[in-house]
C-alpha atoms as a PDB file:
ATOM      1  CA  MET A   1      -7.111  -3.602  -9.428  1.00  0.00           C
ATOM      2  CA  SER A   2      -3.580  -4.684  -8.632  1.00  0.00           C
ATOM      3  CA  ALA A   3      -2.413  -5.115  -5.053  1.00  0.00           C
ATOM      4  CA  HIS A   4      -0.363  -1.967  -4.558  1.00  0.00           C
ATOM      5  CA  CYS A   5       0.018   0.628  -1.819  1.00  0.00           C
ATOM      6  CA  GLN A   6      -0.921   4.207  -2.630  1.00  0.00           C
ATOM      7  CA  LEU A   7       1.600   5.692  -0.180  1.00  0.00           C
ATOM      8  CA  THR A   8       4.724   3.536  -0.476  1.00  0.00           C
ATOM      9  CA  GLY A   9       4.116   2.069  -3.919  1.00  0.00           C
ATOM     10  CA  ALA A  10       4.651  -1.494  -2.643  1.00  0.00           C
ATOM     11  CA  ARG A  11       3.702  -4.029  -5.304  1.00  0.00           C
ATOM     12  CA  PRO A  12       3.834  -7.826  -5.463  1.00  0.00           C
ATOM     13  CA  GLY A  13       7.253  -9.405  -5.791  1.00  0.00           C
ATOM     14  CA  PHE A  14       7.831 -12.562  -7.810  1.00  0.00           C
ATOM     15  CA  GLY A  15      10.023 -15.542  -7.191  1.00  0.00           C
ATOM     16  CA  ASN A  16      10.099 -19.316  -7.200  1.00  0.00           C
ATOM     17  CA  ARG A  17       8.525 -21.909  -4.963  1.00  0.00           C
ATOM     18  CA  ILE A  18      11.153 -24.635  -4.525  1.00  0.00           C
ATOM     19  CA  SER A  19       9.991 -28.138  -3.653  1.00  0.00           C
ATOM     20  CA  HIS A  20      11.919 -30.785  -1.741  1.00  0.00           C
ATOM     21  CA  SER A  21      13.062 -32.262  -5.068  1.00  0.00           C
ATOM     22  CA  HIS A  22      14.211 -28.734  -6.038  1.00  0.00           C
ATOM     23  CA  ARG A  23      11.645 -28.242  -8.803  1.00  0.00           C
ATOM     24  CA  ARG A  24      10.833 -24.578  -9.271  1.00  0.00           C
ATOM     25  CA  THR A  25       7.410 -23.080  -9.915  1.00  0.00           C
ATOM     26  CA  SER A  26       6.403 -19.430  -9.983  1.00  0.00           C
ATOM     27  CA  ARG A  27       5.016 -17.747  -6.901  1.00  0.00           C
ATOM     28  CA  ARG A  28       4.025 -14.263  -5.842  1.00  0.00           C
ATOM     29  CA  PHE A  29       4.858 -12.320  -2.659  1.00  0.00           C
ATOM     30  CA  ASP A  30       1.876 -10.031  -2.048  1.00  0.00           C
ATOM     31  CA  PRO A  31       2.181  -6.984   0.225  1.00  0.00           C
ATOM     32  CA  ASN A  32      -0.156  -6.803   3.245  1.00  0.00           C
ATOM     33  CA  ILE A  33      -2.733  -4.464   1.652  1.00  0.00           C
ATOM     34  CA  GLN A  34      -5.544  -2.957   3.757  1.00  0.00           C
ATOM     35  CA  LYS A  35      -8.323  -0.493   2.929  1.00  0.00           C
ATOM     36  CA  LYS A  36      -8.466   2.321   5.476  1.00  0.00           C
ATOM     37  CA  ARG A  37     -10.847   5.259   5.747  1.00  0.00           C
ATOM     38  CA  TYR A  38      -9.476   8.539   7.114  1.00  0.00           C
ATOM     39  CA  TRP A  39     -11.073  11.893   7.845  1.00  0.00           C
ATOM     40  CA  LEU A  40      -9.375  14.779   6.023  1.00  0.00           C
ATOM     41  CA  VAL A  41      -9.920  17.838   8.207  1.00  0.00           C
ATOM     42  CA  GLY A  42      -8.604  20.283   5.579  1.00  0.00           C
ATOM     43  CA  GLU A  43     -11.108  19.112   2.964  1.00  0.00           C
ATOM     44  CA  GLY A  44     -13.959  18.172   5.308  1.00  0.00           C
ATOM     45  CA  ARG A  45     -14.419  14.699   3.853  1.00  0.00           C
ATOM     46  CA  HIS A  46     -13.437  11.063   4.257  1.00  0.00           C
ATOM     47  CA  VAL A  47     -10.891   9.384   1.977  1.00  0.00           C
ATOM     48  CA  ARG A  48     -10.533   5.640   1.493  1.00  0.00           C
ATOM     49  CA  LEU A  49      -6.931   4.624   0.881  1.00  0.00           C
ATOM     50  CA  THR A  50      -5.411   1.300  -0.132  1.00  0.00           C
ATOM     51  CA  LEU A  51      -2.346   1.006   2.093  1.00  0.00           C
ATOM     52  CA  SER A  52       0.173  -1.595   3.144  1.00  0.00           C
ATOM     53  CA  ALA A  53       0.487  -2.359   6.858  1.00  0.00           C
ATOM     54  CA  LYS A  54       3.772  -0.420   6.912  1.00  0.00           C
ATOM     55  CA  ALA A  55       2.077   2.605   5.323  1.00  0.00           C
ATOM     56  CA  VAL A  56      -0.697   2.557   7.968  1.00  0.00           C
ATOM     57  CA  LYS A  57       2.022   2.969  10.611  1.00  0.00           C
ATOM     58  CA  THR A  58       3.578   5.764   8.539  1.00  0.00           C
ATOM     59  CA  VAL A  59       0.234   7.613   8.408  1.00  0.00           C
ATOM     60  CA  ASP A  60      -0.029   7.274  12.199  1.00  0.00           C
ATOM     61  CA  ALA A  61       3.435   8.817  12.553  1.00  0.00           C
ATOM     62  CA  ILE A  62       3.278  11.693  10.031  1.00  0.00           C
ATOM     63  CA  GLY A  63      -0.464  12.400   9.939  1.00  0.00           C
ATOM     64  CA  ILE A  64      -3.068  11.981   7.242  1.00  0.00           C
ATOM     65  CA  GLU A  65      -2.592  15.449   5.701  1.00  0.00           C
ATOM     66  CA  ALA A  66       1.138  14.851   5.069  1.00  0.00           C
ATOM     67  CA  ALA A  67       0.423  11.344   3.796  1.00  0.00           C
ATOM     68  CA  VAL A  68      -2.168  12.593   1.296  1.00  0.00           C
ATOM     69  CA  ALA A  69       0.322  15.242   0.143  1.00  0.00           C
ATOM     70  CA  ARG A  70       2.889  12.480  -0.505  1.00  0.00           C
ATOM     71  CA  ILE A  71       0.325  10.395  -2.390  1.00  0.00           C
ATOM     72  CA  ARG A  72      -0.588  13.353  -4.586  1.00  0.00           C
ATOM     73  CA  ALA A  73       3.106  14.085  -5.186  1.00  0.00           C
ATOM     74  CA  ARG A  74       3.453  10.514  -6.536  1.00  0.00           C
ATOM     75  CA  GLY A  75       0.676  11.318  -9.030  1.00  0.00           C
ATOM     76  CA  GLU A  76      -2.036   9.160  -7.420  1.00  0.00           C
ATOM     77  CA  LYS A  77      -5.586  10.456  -7.263  1.00  0.00           C
ATOM     78  CA  VAL A  78      -7.173  10.817  -3.802  1.00  0.00           C
END
């Protein structure tokens, strides 16, 4: 499973690690991915989502029902 957020779609970014001598090697910038469990009142069940830290704050602001609607609109399965 790749490190990606179900709500925002954040995925790892790629770049170069640059040493003191200016040699470049590949590196990866991973998003801060967390697994969170939420209670969906409308469906009467828990859902476990893989979210970035920014998306957890978004869920707190807009609510879990609206967040799940956005995830389903992106084509992700919940």
